[in-house]
Amino acid sequence: MNLFIGNLNPITKAEGLRILFSEFGEVVSSKVIFDNMTGTSKGFGFVEMGDKNQAFDAIDNLDMSYFEGNIISVKEAKQNNTKPGGGSNSSRPSYNKPRSPRPGGYGGGERNYNKL
């Protein structure tokens, strides 16, 4: 199970997260996310734990706890459904398609405002 850890101290490293979470079970992986441009920590990271029950135990015990000078947030990570490479995002409107006029909408049509 993948966990999201927020509000990390800028000095926190992946190994520190591994040690902290290993108290609750097997840690498959741990990472702290860094900004590519500045090389500084973005203040969050991820820990993958092998057992779901151990992961929930870690959440219960570590969420809102003090770690390396900060009160951290520990939650189940949300699945990221975005595809690498900047593919199209179907939720954004396409401005290349011609739009059909909306019935009763703006432009051209006479309206009878006396009808109720």
PDB file of N, CA and C in Angstrom:
ATOM      1  N   MET A   1       0.853  -1.182   0.000  1.00  0.00           N
ATOM      2  CA  MET A   1       0.000   0.000   0.000  1.00  0.00           C
ATOM      3  C   MET A   1       0.892   1.236   0.000  1.00  0.00           C
ATOM      4  N   ASN A   2       0.532   2.202  -0.821  1.00  0.00           N
ATOM      5  CA  ASN A   2       1.329   3.412  -0.957  1.00  0.00           C
ATOM      6  C   ASN A   2       0.776   4.511  -0.048  1.00  0.00           C
ATOM      7  N   LEU A   3       1.662   5.136   0.712  1.00  0.00           N
ATOM      8  CA  LEU A   3       1.279   6.192   1.641  1.00  0.00           C
ATOM      9  C   LEU A   3       1.873   7.519   1.213  1.00  0.00           C
ATOM     10  N   PHE A   4       1.105   8.578   1.409  1.00  0.00           N
ATOM     11  CA  PHE A   4       1.551   9.939   1.161  1.00  0.00           C
ATOM     12  C   PHE A   4       1.947  10.547   2.498  1.00  0.00           C
ATOM     13  N   ILE A   5       3.132  11.158   2.543  1.00  0.00           N
ATOM     14  CA  ILE A   5       3.595  11.817   3.762  1.00  0.00           C
ATOM     15  C   ILE A   5       3.806  13.287   3.433  1.00  0.00           C
ATOM     16  N   GLY A   6       3.076  14.160   4.113  1.00  0.00           N
ATOM     17  CA  GLY A   6       3.151  15.591   3.848  1.00  0.00           C
ATOM     18  C   GLY A   6       3.757  16.365   5.007  1.00  0.00           C
ATOM     19  N   ASN A   7       4.111  17.611   4.719  1.00  0.00           N
ATOM     20  CA  ASN A   7       4.707  18.548   5.673  1.00  0.00           C
ATOM     21  C   ASN A   7       6.055  18.061   6.201  1.00  0.00           C
ATOM     22  N   LEU A   8       6.853  17.487   5.298  1.00  0.00           N
ATOM     23  CA  LEU A   8       8.185  17.029   5.687  1.00  0.00           C
ATOM     24  C   LEU A   8       9.140  18.198   5.843  1.00  0.00           C
ATOM     25  N   ASN A   9      10.046  18.058   6.768  1.00  0.00           N
ATOM     26  CA  ASN A   9      11.120  19.019   6.958  1.00  0.00           C
ATOM     27  C   ASN A   9      12.032  18.968   5.722  1.00  0.00           C
ATOM     28  N   PRO A  10      12.565  20.090   5.249  1.00  0.00           N
ATOM     29  CA  PRO A  10      13.454  20.076   4.076  1.00  0.00           C
ATOM     30  C   PRO A  10      14.686  19.177   4.238  1.00  0.00           C
ATOM     31  N   ILE A  11      15.061  18.870   5.488  1.00  0.00           N
ATOM     32  CA  ILE A  11      16.237  18.011   5.691  1.00  0.00           C
ATOM     33  C   ILE A  11      15.900  16.526   5.640  1.00  0.00           C
ATOM     34  N   THR A  12      14.610  16.178   5.606  1.00  0.00           N
ATOM     35  CA  THR A  12      14.202  14.768   5.619  1.00  0.00           C
ATOM     36  C   THR A  12      14.630  14.072   4.343  1.00  0.00           C
ATOM     37  N   LYS A  13      15.180  12.878   4.517  1.00  0.00           N
ATOM     38  CA  LYS A  13      15.635  12.035   3.399  1.00  0.00           C
ATOM     39  C   LYS A  13      14.806  10.757   3.364  1.00  0.00           C
ATOM     40  N   ALA A  14      14.849  10.066   2.251  1.00  0.00           N
ATOM     41  CA  ALA A  14      14.107   8.818   2.071  1.00  0.00           C
ATOM     42  C   ALA A  14      14.492   7.784   3.114  1.00  0.00           C
ATOM     43  N   GLU A  15      15.757   7.731   3.484  1.00  0.00           N
ATOM     44  CA  GLU A  15      16.212   6.758   4.476  1.00  0.00           C
ATOM     45  C   GLU A  15      15.583   7.022   5.840  1.00  0.00           C
ATOM     46  N   GLY A  16      15.390   8.276   6.191  1.00  0.00           N
ATOM     47  CA  GLY A  16      14.727   8.613   7.442  1.00  0.00           C
ATOM     48  C   GLY A  16      13.287   8.129   7.461  1.00  0.00           C
ATOM     49  N   LEU A  17      12.591   8.268   6.320  1.00  0.00           N
ATOM     50  CA  LEU A  17      11.225   7.762   6.224  1.00  0.00           C
ATOM     51  C   LEU A  17      11.208   6.244   6.340  1.00  0.00           C
ATOM     52  N   ARG A  18      12.167   5.593   5.695  1.00  0.00           N
ATOM     53  CA  ARG A  18      12.249   4.130   5.744  1.00  0.00           C
ATOM     54  C   ARG A  18      12.402   3.655   7.189  1.00  0.00           C
ATOM     55  N   ILE A  19      13.280   4.286   7.920  1.00  0.00           N
ATOM     56  CA  ILE A  19      13.514   3.903   9.323  1.00  0.00           C
ATOM     57  C   ILE A  19      12.255   4.131  10.160  1.00  0.00           C
ATOM     58  N   LEU A  20      11.612   5.303   9.977  1.00  0.00           N
ATOM     59  CA  LEU A  20      10.418   5.627  10.747  1.00  0.00           C
ATOM     60  C   LEU A  20       9.302   4.612  10.494  1.00  0.00           C
ATOM     61  N   PHE A  21       9.035   4.304   9.234  1.00  0.00           N
ATOM     62  CA  PHE A  21       7.909   3.434   8.896  1.00  0.00           C
ATOM     63  C   PHE A  21       8.214   1.951   9.106  1.00  0.00           C
ATOM     64  N   SER A  22       9.474   1.587   9.143  1.00  0.00           N
ATOM     65  CA  SER A  22       9.827   0.178   9.353  1.00  0.00           C
ATOM     66  C   SER A  22       9.454  -0.290  10.752  1.00  0.00           C
ATOM     67  N   GLU A  23       9.184   0.628  11.668  1.00  0.00           N
ATOM     68  CA  GLU A  23       8.702   0.255  12.997  1.00  0.00           C
ATOM     69  C   GLU A  23       7.332  -0.423  12.922  1.00  0.00           C
ATOM     70  N   PHE A  24       6.619  -0.229  11.807  1.00  0.00           N
ATOM     71  CA  PHE A  24       5.263  -0.759  11.664  1.00  0.00           C
ATOM     72  C   PHE A  24       5.178  -1.919  10.692  1.00  0.00           C
ATOM     73  N   GLY A  25       6.261  -2.250  10.016  1.00  0.00           N
ATOM     74  CA  GLY A  25       6.261  -3.377   9.084  1.00  0.00           C
ATOM     75  C   GLY A  25       7.254  -3.181   7.959  1.00  0.00           C
ATOM     76  N   GLU A  26       7.135  -4.055   6.963  1.00  0.00           N
ATOM     77  CA  GLU A  26       8.053  -4.047   5.826  1.00  0.00           C
ATOM     78  C   GLU A  26       7.836  -2.813   4.943  1.00  0.00           C
ATOM     79  N   VAL A  27       8.913  -2.070   4.717  1.00  0.00           N
ATOM     80  CA  VAL A  27       8.874  -0.927   3.814  1.00  0.00           C
ATOM     81  C   VAL A  27       9.453  -1.373   2.477  1.00  0.00           C
ATOM     82  N   VAL A  28       8.627  -1.341   1.445  1.00  0.00           N
ATOM     83  CA  VAL A  28       9.052  -1.749   0.109  1.00  0.00           C
ATOM     84  C   VAL A  28       9.902  -0.654  -0.528  1.00  0.00           C
ATOM     85  N   SER A  29       9.457   0.599  -0.380  1.00  0.00           N
ATOM     86  CA  SER A  29      10.215   1.731  -0.927  1.00  0.00           C
ATOM     87  C   SER A  29       9.845   2.995  -0.173  1.00  0.00           C
ATOM     88  N   SER A  30      10.750   3.971  -0.239  1.00  0.00           N
ATOM     89  CA  SER A  30      10.484   5.286   0.344  1.00  0.00           C
ATOM     90  C   SER A  30      11.174   6.326  -0.518  1.00  0.00           C
ATOM     91  N   LYS A  31      10.510   7.473  -0.675  1.00  0.00           N
ATOM     92  CA  LYS A  31      11.135   8.555  -1.450  1.00  0.00           C
ATOM     93  C   LYS A  31      10.600   9.898  -0.996  1.00  0.00           C
ATOM     94  N   VAL A  32      11.466  10.881  -1.098  1.00  0.00           N
ATOM     95  CA  VAL A  32      11.115  12.271  -0.846  1.00  0.00           C
ATOM     96  C   VAL A  32      11.160  12.953  -2.205  1.00  0.00           C
ATOM     97  N   ILE A  33      10.177  13.777  -2.492  1.00  0.00           N
ATOM     98  CA  ILE A  33      10.088  14.440  -3.794  1.00  0.00           C
ATOM     99  C   ILE A  33      10.851  15.759  -3.748  1.00  0.00           C
ATOM    100  N   PHE A  34      11.714  15.944  -4.766  1.00  0.00           N
ATOM    101  CA  PHE A  34      12.527  17.152  -4.869  1.00  0.00           C
ATOM    102  C   PHE A  34      12.162  17.934  -6.113  1.00  0.00           C
ATOM    103  N   ASP A  35      12.296  19.254  -6.038  1.00  0.00           N
ATOM    104  CA  ASP A  35      12.077  20.138  -7.179  1.00  0.00           C
ATOM    105  C   ASP A  35      13.241  19.984  -8.140  1.00  0.00           C
ATOM    106  N   ASN A  36      12.957  19.742  -9.402  1.00  0.00           N
ATOM    107  CA  ASN A  36      14.011  19.547 -10.405  1.00  0.00           C
ATOM    108  C   ASN A  36      14.843  20.804 -10.645  1.00  0.00           C
ATOM    109  N   MET A  37      14.215  21.947 -10.544  1.00  0.00           N
ATOM    110  CA  MET A  37      14.923  23.198 -10.841  1.00  0.00           C
ATOM    111  C   MET A  37      15.849  23.621  -9.699  1.00  0.00           C
ATOM    112  N   THR A  38      15.357  23.530  -8.471  1.00  0.00           N
ATOM    113  CA  THR A  38      16.137  24.042  -7.337  1.00  0.00           C
ATOM    114  C   THR A  38      16.869  22.949  -6.562  1.00  0.00           C
ATOM    115  N   GLY A  39      16.424  21.706  -6.709  1.00  0.00           N
ATOM    116  CA  GLY A  39      17.037  20.612  -5.969  1.00  0.00           C
ATOM    117  C   GLY A  39      16.611  20.544  -4.509  1.00  0.00           C
ATOM    118  N   THR A  40      15.651  21.369  -4.120  1.00  0.00           N
ATOM    119  CA  THR A  40      15.177  21.366  -2.730  1.00  0.00           C
ATOM    120  C   THR A  40      13.939  20.481  -2.598  1.00  0.00           C
ATOM    121  N   SER A  41      13.713  20.025  -1.380  1.00  0.00           N
ATOM    122  CA  SER A  41      12.564  19.169  -1.104  1.00  0.00           C
ATOM    123  C   SER A  41      11.269  19.946  -1.327  1.00  0.00           C
ATOM    124  N   LYS A  42      10.266  19.252  -1.873  1.00  0.00           N
ATOM    125  CA  LYS A  42       8.947  19.858  -2.031  1.00  0.00           C
ATOM    126  C   LYS A  42       8.108  19.696  -0.765  1.00  0.00           C
ATOM    127  N   GLY A  43       8.649  19.005   0.244  1.00  0.00           N
ATOM    128  CA  GLY A  43       7.959  18.884   1.522  1.00  0.00           C
ATOM    129  C   GLY A  43       7.018  17.703   1.621  1.00  0.00           C
ATOM    130  N   PHE A  44       7.106  16.779   0.656  1.00  0.00           N
ATOM    131  CA  PHE A  44       6.283  15.576   0.753  1.00  0.00           C
ATOM    132  C   PHE A  44       7.013  14.393   0.159  1.00  0.00           C
ATOM    133  N   GLY A  45       6.501  13.214   0.467  1.00  0.00           N
ATOM    134  CA  GLY A  45       7.121  11.997  -0.032  1.00  0.00           C
ATOM    135  C   GLY A  45       6.145  10.847   0.001  1.00  0.00           C
ATOM    136  N   PHE A  46       6.656   9.654  -0.334  1.00  0.00           N
ATOM    137  CA  PHE A  46       5.829   8.461  -0.393  1.00  0.00           C
ATOM    138  C   PHE A  46       6.566   7.294   0.246  1.00  0.00           C
ATOM    139  N   VAL A  47       5.802   6.442   0.908  1.00  0.00           N
ATOM    140  CA  VAL A  47       6.329   5.208   1.467  1.00  0.00           C
ATOM    141  C   VAL A  47       5.401   4.096   1.015  1.00  0.00           C
ATOM    142  N   GLU A  48       5.977   3.054   0.442  1.00  0.00           N
ATOM    143  CA  GLU A  48       5.186   1.895   0.052  1.00  0.00           C
ATOM    144  C   GLU A  48       5.454   0.787   1.061  1.00  0.00           C
ATOM    145  N   MET A  49       4.368   0.293   1.628  1.00  0.00           N
ATOM    146  CA  MET A  49       4.482  -0.778   2.614  1.00  0.00           C
ATOM    147  C   MET A  49       3.899  -2.062   2.027  1.00  0.00           C
ATOM    148  N   GLY A  50       4.506  -3.198   2.397  1.00  0.00           N
ATOM    149  CA  GLY A  50       4.111  -4.481   1.832  1.00  0.00           C
ATOM    150  C   GLY A  50       2.764  -4.984   2.304  1.00  0.00           C
ATOM    151  N   ASP A  51       2.365  -4.654   3.523  1.00  0.00           N
ATOM    152  CA  ASP A  51       1.132  -5.167   4.099  1.00  0.00           C
ATOM    153  C   ASP A  51       0.166  -4.027   4.383  1.00  0.00           C
ATOM    154  N   LYS A  52      -1.070  -4.169   3.922  1.00  0.00           N
ATOM    155  CA  LYS A  52      -2.075  -3.118   4.074  1.00  0.00           C
ATOM    156  C   LYS A  52      -2.391  -2.842   5.548  1.00  0.00           C
ATOM    157  N   ASN A  53      -2.484  -3.886   6.360  1.00  0.00           N
ATOM    158  CA  ASN A  53      -2.794  -3.699   7.781  1.00  0.00           C
ATOM    159  C   ASN A  53      -1.678  -2.954   8.500  1.00  0.00           C
ATOM    160  N   GLN A  54      -0.440  -3.258   8.148  1.00  0.00           N
ATOM    161  CA  GLN A  54       0.693  -2.538   8.738  1.00  0.00           C
ATOM    162  C   GLN A  54       0.689  -1.082   8.285  1.00  0.00           C
ATOM    163  N   ALA A  55       0.295  -0.842   7.035  1.00  0.00           N
ATOM    164  CA  ALA A  55       0.221   0.529   6.520  1.00  0.00           C
ATOM    165  C   ALA A  55      -0.834   1.332   7.288  1.00  0.00           C
ATOM    166  N   PHE A  56      -2.003   0.717   7.532  1.00  0.00           N
ATOM    167  CA  PHE A  56      -3.042   1.411   8.296  1.00  0.00           C
ATOM    168  C   PHE A  56      -2.592   1.663   9.730  1.00  0.00           C
ATOM    169  N   ASP A  57      -1.823   0.738  10.289  1.00  0.00           N
ATOM    170  CA  ASP A  57      -1.272   0.924  11.627  1.00  0.00           C
ATOM    171  C   ASP A  57      -0.316   2.124  11.644  1.00  0.00           C
ATOM    172  N   ALA A  58       0.503   2.235  10.589  1.00  0.00           N
ATOM    173  CA  ALA A  58       1.425   3.374  10.480  1.00  0.00           C
ATOM    174  C   ALA A  58       0.651   4.687  10.362  1.00  0.00           C
ATOM    175  N   ILE A  59      -0.421   4.693   9.583  1.00  0.00           N
ATOM    176  CA  ILE A  59      -1.246   5.898   9.446  1.00  0.00           C
ATOM    177  C   ILE A  59      -1.812   6.294  10.807  1.00  0.00           C
ATOM    178  N   ASP A  60      -2.384   5.315  11.503  1.00  0.00           N
ATOM    179  CA  ASP A  60      -3.002   5.595  12.809  1.00  0.00           C
ATOM    180  C   ASP A  60      -2.004   6.163  13.811  1.00  0.00           C
ATOM    181  N   ASN A  61      -0.761   5.683  13.749  1.00  0.00           N
ATOM    182  CA  ASN A  61       0.233   6.084  14.741  1.00  0.00           C
ATOM    183  C   ASN A  61       1.081   7.291  14.345  1.00  0.00           C
ATOM    184  N   LEU A  62       1.247   7.528  13.047  1.00  0.00           N
ATOM    185  CA  LEU A  62       2.176   8.580  12.614  1.00  0.00           C
ATOM    186  C   LEU A  62       1.500   9.850  12.100  1.00  0.00           C
ATOM    187  N   ASP A  63       0.237   9.761  11.681  1.00  0.00           N
ATOM    188  CA  ASP A  63      -0.445  10.970  11.201  1.00  0.00           C
ATOM    189  C   ASP A  63      -0.528  11.976  12.342  1.00  0.00           C
ATOM    190  N   MET A  64      -0.138  13.200  12.055  1.00  0.00           N
ATOM    191  CA  MET A  64      -0.114  14.305  13.029  1.00  0.00           C
ATOM    192  C   MET A  64       0.912  14.069  14.141  1.00  0.00           C
ATOM    193  N   SER A  65       1.991  13.351  13.817  1.00  0.00           N
ATOM    194  CA  SER A  65       3.059  13.140  14.801  1.00  0.00           C
ATOM    195  C   SER A  65       4.252  14.031  14.445  1.00  0.00           C
ATOM    196  N   TYR A  66       5.138  14.194  15.401  1.00  0.00           N
ATOM    197  CA  TYR A  66       6.306  15.051  15.270  1.00  0.00           C
ATOM    198  C   TYR A  66       7.455  14.234  14.691  1.00  0.00           C
ATOM    199  N   PHE A  67       8.025  14.680  13.557  1.00  0.00           N
ATOM    200  CA  PHE A  67       9.144  13.976  12.928  1.00  0.00           C
ATOM    201  C   PHE A  67      10.126  14.995  12.355  1.00  0.00           C
ATOM    202  N   GLU A  68      11.344  14.933  12.817  1.00  0.00           N
ATOM    203  CA  GLU A  68      12.432  15.810  12.361  1.00  0.00           C
ATOM    204  C   GLU A  68      12.029  17.283  12.355  1.00  0.00           C
ATOM    205  N   GLY A  69      11.339  17.694  13.402  1.00  0.00           N
ATOM    206  CA  GLY A  69      11.013  19.110  13.572  1.00  0.00           C
ATOM    207  C   GLY A  69       9.680  19.552  13.021  1.00  0.00           C
ATOM    208  N   ASN A  70       8.946  18.684  12.333  1.00  0.00           N
ATOM    209  CA  ASN A  70       7.649  19.055  11.769  1.00  0.00           C
ATOM    210  C   ASN A  70       6.575  18.066  12.192  1.00  0.00           C
ATOM    211  N   ILE A  71       5.347  18.539  12.240  1.00  0.00           N
ATOM    212  CA  ILE A  71       4.211  17.642  12.440  1.00  0.00           C
ATOM    213  C   ILE A  71       3.798  17.148  11.059  1.00  0.00           C
ATOM    214  N   ILE A  72       3.964  15.843  10.833  1.00  0.00           N
ATOM    215  CA  ILE A  72       3.729  15.286   9.502  1.00  0.00           C
ATOM    216  C   ILE A  72       2.299  14.792   9.334  1.00  0.00           C
ATOM    217  N   SER A  73       1.900  14.706   8.087  1.00  0.00           N
ATOM    218  CA  SER A  73       0.599  14.173   7.703  1.00  0.00           C
ATOM    219  C   SER A  73       0.846  12.847   6.981  1.00  0.00           C
ATOM    220  N   VAL A  74       0.141  11.797   7.380  1.00  0.00           N
ATOM    221  CA  VAL A  74       0.301  10.484   6.753  1.00  0.00           C
ATOM    222  C   VAL A  74      -1.072   9.999   6.320  1.00  0.00           C
ATOM    223  N   LYS A  75      -1.213   9.732   5.025  1.00  0.00           N
ATOM    224  CA  LYS A  75      -2.496   9.304   4.470  1.00  0.00           C
ATOM    225  C   LYS A  75      -2.261   8.269   3.375  1.00  0.00           C
ATOM    226  N   GLU A  76      -3.310   7.554   3.031  1.00  0.00           N
ATOM    227  CA  GLU A  76      -3.223   6.643   1.892  1.00  0.00           C
ATOM    228  C   GLU A  76      -3.071   7.490   0.636  1.00  0.00           C
ATOM    229  N   ALA A  77      -2.098   7.131  -0.200  1.00  0.00           N
ATOM    230  CA  ALA A  77      -1.853   7.904  -1.420  1.00  0.00           C
ATOM    231  C   ALA A  77      -2.967   7.657  -2.422  1.00  0.00           C
ATOM    232  N   LYS A  78      -3.368   8.705  -3.117  1.00  0.00           N
ATOM    233  CA  LYS A  78      -4.361   8.574  -4.179  1.00  0.00           C
ATOM    234  C   LYS A  78      -3.678   8.081  -5.436  1.00  0.00           C
ATOM    235  N   GLN A  79      -4.391   7.302  -6.217  1.00  0.00           N
ATOM    236  CA  GLN A  79      -3.852   6.784  -7.476  1.00  0.00           C
ATOM    237  C   GLN A  79      -3.721   7.929  -8.467  1.00  0.00           C
ATOM    238  N   ASN A  80      -2.572   8.018  -9.118  1.00  0.00           N
ATOM    239  CA  ASN A  80      -2.341   9.042 -10.133  1.00  0.00           C
ATOM    240  C   ASN A  80      -2.688   8.453 -11.484  1.00  0.00           C
ATOM    241  N   ASN A  81      -3.730   8.982 -12.129  1.00  0.00           N
ATOM    242  CA  ASN A  81      -4.187   8.444 -13.407  1.00  0.00           C
ATOM    243  C   ASN A  81      -3.657   9.210 -14.608  1.00  0.00           C
ATOM    244  N   THR A  82      -2.763  10.163 -14.391  1.00  0.00           N
ATOM    245  CA  THR A  82      -2.219  10.907 -15.521  1.00  0.00           C
ATOM    246  C   THR A  82      -1.137  10.083 -16.203  1.00  0.00           C
ATOM    247  N   LYS A  83      -1.053  10.249 -17.505  1.00  0.00           N
ATOM    248  CA  LYS A  83      -0.065   9.510 -18.282  1.00  0.00           C
ATOM    249  C   LYS A  83       1.156  10.391 -18.504  1.00  0.00           C
ATOM    250  N   PRO A  84       2.365   9.819 -18.417  1.00  0.00           N
ATOM    251  CA  PRO A  84       3.555  10.624 -18.667  1.00  0.00           C
ATOM    252  C   PRO A  84       3.601  11.066 -20.126  1.00  0.00           C
ATOM    253  N   GLY A  85       4.254  12.163 -20.374  1.00  0.00           N
ATOM    254  CA  GLY A  85       4.417  12.647 -21.738  1.00  0.00           C
ATOM    255  C   GLY A  85       3.448  13.736 -22.113  1.00  0.00           C
ATOM    256  N   GLY A  86       2.626  14.181 -21.180  1.00  0.00           N
ATOM    257  CA  GLY A  86       1.742  15.317 -21.448  1.00  0.00           C
ATOM    258  C   GLY A  86       0.667  15.029 -22.458  1.00  0.00           C
ATOM    259  N   GLY A  87       0.075  13.852 -22.426  1.00  0.00           N
ATOM    260  CA  GLY A  87      -1.002  13.503 -23.345  1.00  0.00           C
ATOM    261  C   GLY A  87      -2.173  14.448 -23.210  1.00  0.00           C
ATOM    262  N   SER A  88      -3.152  14.264 -24.078  1.00  0.00           N
ATOM    263  CA  SER A  88      -4.282  15.181 -24.061  1.00  0.00           C
ATOM    264  C   SER A  88      -5.116  14.971 -22.817  1.00  0.00           C
ATOM    265  N   ASN A  89      -5.713  16.029 -22.372  1.00  0.00           N
ATOM    266  CA  ASN A  89      -6.576  15.988 -21.206  1.00  0.00           C
ATOM    267  C   ASN A  89      -8.003  16.178 -21.691  1.00  0.00           C
ATOM    268  N   SER A  90      -8.783  15.109 -21.649  1.00  0.00           N
ATOM    269  CA  SER A  90     -10.127  15.166 -22.222  1.00  0.00           C
ATOM    270  C   SER A  90     -11.074  16.062 -21.433  1.00  0.00           C
ATOM    271  N   SER A  91     -10.698  16.470 -20.212  1.00  0.00           N
ATOM    272  CA  SER A  91     -11.586  17.327 -19.443  1.00  0.00           C
ATOM    273  C   SER A  91     -11.495  18.784 -19.877  1.00  0.00           C
ATOM    274  N   ARG A  92     -10.468  19.132 -20.617  1.00  0.00           N
ATOM    275  CA  ARG A  92     -10.352  20.500 -21.123  1.00  0.00           C
ATOM    276  C   ARG A  92     -11.060  20.617 -22.463  1.00  0.00           C
ATOM    277  N   PRO A  93     -11.725  21.730 -22.722  1.00  0.00           N
ATOM    278  CA  PRO A  93     -12.390  21.872 -24.014  1.00  0.00           C
ATOM    279  C   PRO A  93     -11.374  22.024 -25.134  1.00  0.00           C
ATOM    280  N   SER A  94     -11.731  21.490 -26.271  1.00  0.00           N
ATOM    281  CA  SER A  94     -10.863  21.635 -27.439  1.00  0.00           C
ATOM    282  C   SER A  94     -11.275  22.909 -28.172  1.00  0.00           C
ATOM    283  N   TYR A  95     -10.328  23.792 -28.407  1.00  0.00           N
ATOM    284  CA  TYR A  95     -10.641  25.054 -29.068  1.00  0.00           C
ATOM    285  C   TYR A  95     -10.444  24.955 -30.575  1.00  0.00           C
ATOM    286  N   ASN A  96     -10.098  23.769 -31.073  1.00  0.00           N
ATOM    287  CA  ASN A  96      -9.910  23.584 -32.499  1.00  0.00           C
ATOM    288  C   ASN A  96     -11.199  23.154 -33.180  1.00  0.00           C
ATOM    289  N   LYS A  97     -12.171  22.677 -32.436  1.00  0.00           N
ATOM    290  CA  LYS A  97     -13.425  22.225 -33.009  1.00  0.00           C
ATOM    291  C   LYS A  97     -14.382  23.406 -33.125  1.00  0.00           C
ATOM    292  N   PRO A  98     -15.116  23.466 -34.235  1.00  0.00           N
ATOM    293  CA  PRO A  98     -16.129  24.522 -34.327  1.00  0.00           C
ATOM    294  C   PRO A  98     -17.269  24.211 -33.365  1.00  0.00           C
ATOM    295  N   ARG A  99     -17.795  25.238 -32.760  1.00  0.00           N
ATOM    296  CA  ARG A  99     -18.882  25.068 -31.815  1.00  0.00           C
ATOM    297  C   ARG A  99     -20.214  25.295 -32.506  1.00  0.00           C
ATOM    298  N   SER A 100     -21.182  24.468 -32.163  1.00  0.00           N
ATOM    299  CA  SER A 100     -22.509  24.671 -32.725  1.00  0.00           C
ATOM    300  C   SER A 100     -23.244  25.679 -31.840  1.00  0.00           C
ATOM    301  N   PRO A 101     -24.125  26.461 -32.428  1.00  0.00           N
ATOM    302  CA  PRO A 101     -24.839  27.460 -31.626  1.00  0.00           C
ATOM    303  C   PRO A 101     -25.754  26.775 -30.615  1.00  0.00           C
ATOM    304  N   ARG A 102     -25.903  27.410 -29.458  1.00  0.00           N
ATOM    305  CA  ARG A 102     -26.770  26.875 -28.428  1.00  0.00           C
ATOM    306  C   ARG A 102     -28.195  27.328 -28.689  1.00  0.00           C
ATOM    307  N   PRO A 103     -29.168  26.411 -28.587  1.00  0.00           N
ATOM    308  CA  PRO A 103     -30.558  26.830 -28.795  1.00  0.00           C
ATOM    309  C   PRO A 103     -30.965  27.863 -27.755  1.00  0.00           C
ATOM    310  N   GLY A 104     -31.565  28.922 -28.212  1.00  0.00           N
ATOM    311  CA  GLY A 104     -32.024  29.969 -27.314  1.00  0.00           C
ATOM    312  C   GLY A 104     -30.898  30.758 -26.691  1.00  0.00           C
ATOM    313  N   GLY A 105     -29.697  30.530 -27.167  1.00  0.00           N
ATOM    314  CA  GLY A 105     -28.541  31.175 -26.574  1.00  0.00           C
ATOM    315  C   GLY A 105     -28.246  32.514 -27.202  1.00  0.00           C
ATOM    316  N   TYR A 106     -27.022  32.931 -27.075  1.00  0.00           N
ATOM    317  CA  TYR A 106     -26.610  34.239 -27.576  1.00  0.00           C
ATOM    318  C   TYR A 106     -26.469  34.208 -29.081  1.00  0.00           C
ATOM    319  N   GLY A 107     -26.798  35.299 -29.678  1.00  0.00           N
ATOM    320  CA  GLY A 107     -26.489  35.515 -31.081  1.00  0.00           C
ATOM    321  C   GLY A 107     -27.599  35.149 -32.041  1.00  0.00           C
ATOM    322  N   GLY A 108     -28.072  36.141 -32.726  1.00  0.00           N
ATOM    323  CA  GLY A 108     -28.902  35.939 -33.888  1.00  0.00           C
ATOM    324  C   GLY A 108     -30.377  35.712 -33.655  1.00  0.00           C
ATOM    325  N   GLY A 109     -30.753  34.916 -32.741  1.00  0.00           N
ATOM    326  CA  GLY A 109     -32.159  34.536 -32.595  1.00  0.00           C
ATOM    327  C   GLY A 109     -32.999  35.616 -31.962  1.00  0.00           C
ATOM    328  N   GLU A 110     -34.200  35.767 -32.505  1.00  0.00           N
ATOM    329  CA  GLU A 110     -35.150  36.702 -31.908  1.00  0.00           C
ATOM    330  C   GLU A 110     -35.750  36.049 -30.671  1.00  0.00           C
ATOM    331  N   ARG A 111     -35.956  36.806 -29.642  1.00  0.00           N
ATOM    332  CA  ARG A 111     -36.551  36.272 -28.422  1.00  0.00           C
ATOM    333  C   ARG A 111     -37.880  36.992 -28.167  1.00  0.00           C
ATOM    334  N   ASN A 112     -38.804  36.244 -27.647  1.00  0.00           N
ATOM    335  CA  ASN A 112     -40.069  36.829 -27.259  1.00  0.00           C
ATOM    336  C   ASN A 112     -40.104  36.855 -25.746  1.00  0.00           C
ATOM    337  N   TYR A 113     -39.838  38.016 -25.170  1.00  0.00           N
ATOM    338  CA  TYR A 113     -39.764  38.149 -23.721  1.00  0.00           C
ATOM    339  C   TYR A 113     -41.134  38.285 -23.077  1.00  0.00           C
ATOM    340  N   ASN A 114     -42.192  38.403 -23.891  1.00  0.00           N
ATOM    341  CA  ASN A 114     -43.525  38.537 -23.328  1.00  0.00           C
ATOM    342  C   ASN A 114     -44.125  37.212 -22.911  1.00  0.00           C
ATOM    343  N   LYS A 115     -43.573  36.099 -23.406  1.00  0.00           N
ATOM    344  CA  LYS A 115     -44.102  34.788 -23.039  1.00  0.00           C
ATOM    345  C   LYS A 115     -43.647  34.407 -21.649  1.00  0.00           C
ATOM    346  N   LEU A 116     -44.494  33.725 -20.914  1.00  0.00           N
ATOM    347  CA  LEU A 116     -44.132  33.211 -19.592  1.00  0.00           C
ATOM    348  C   LEU A 116     -44.150  31.742 -19.568  1.00  0.00           C
TER     349      LEU A 116
END
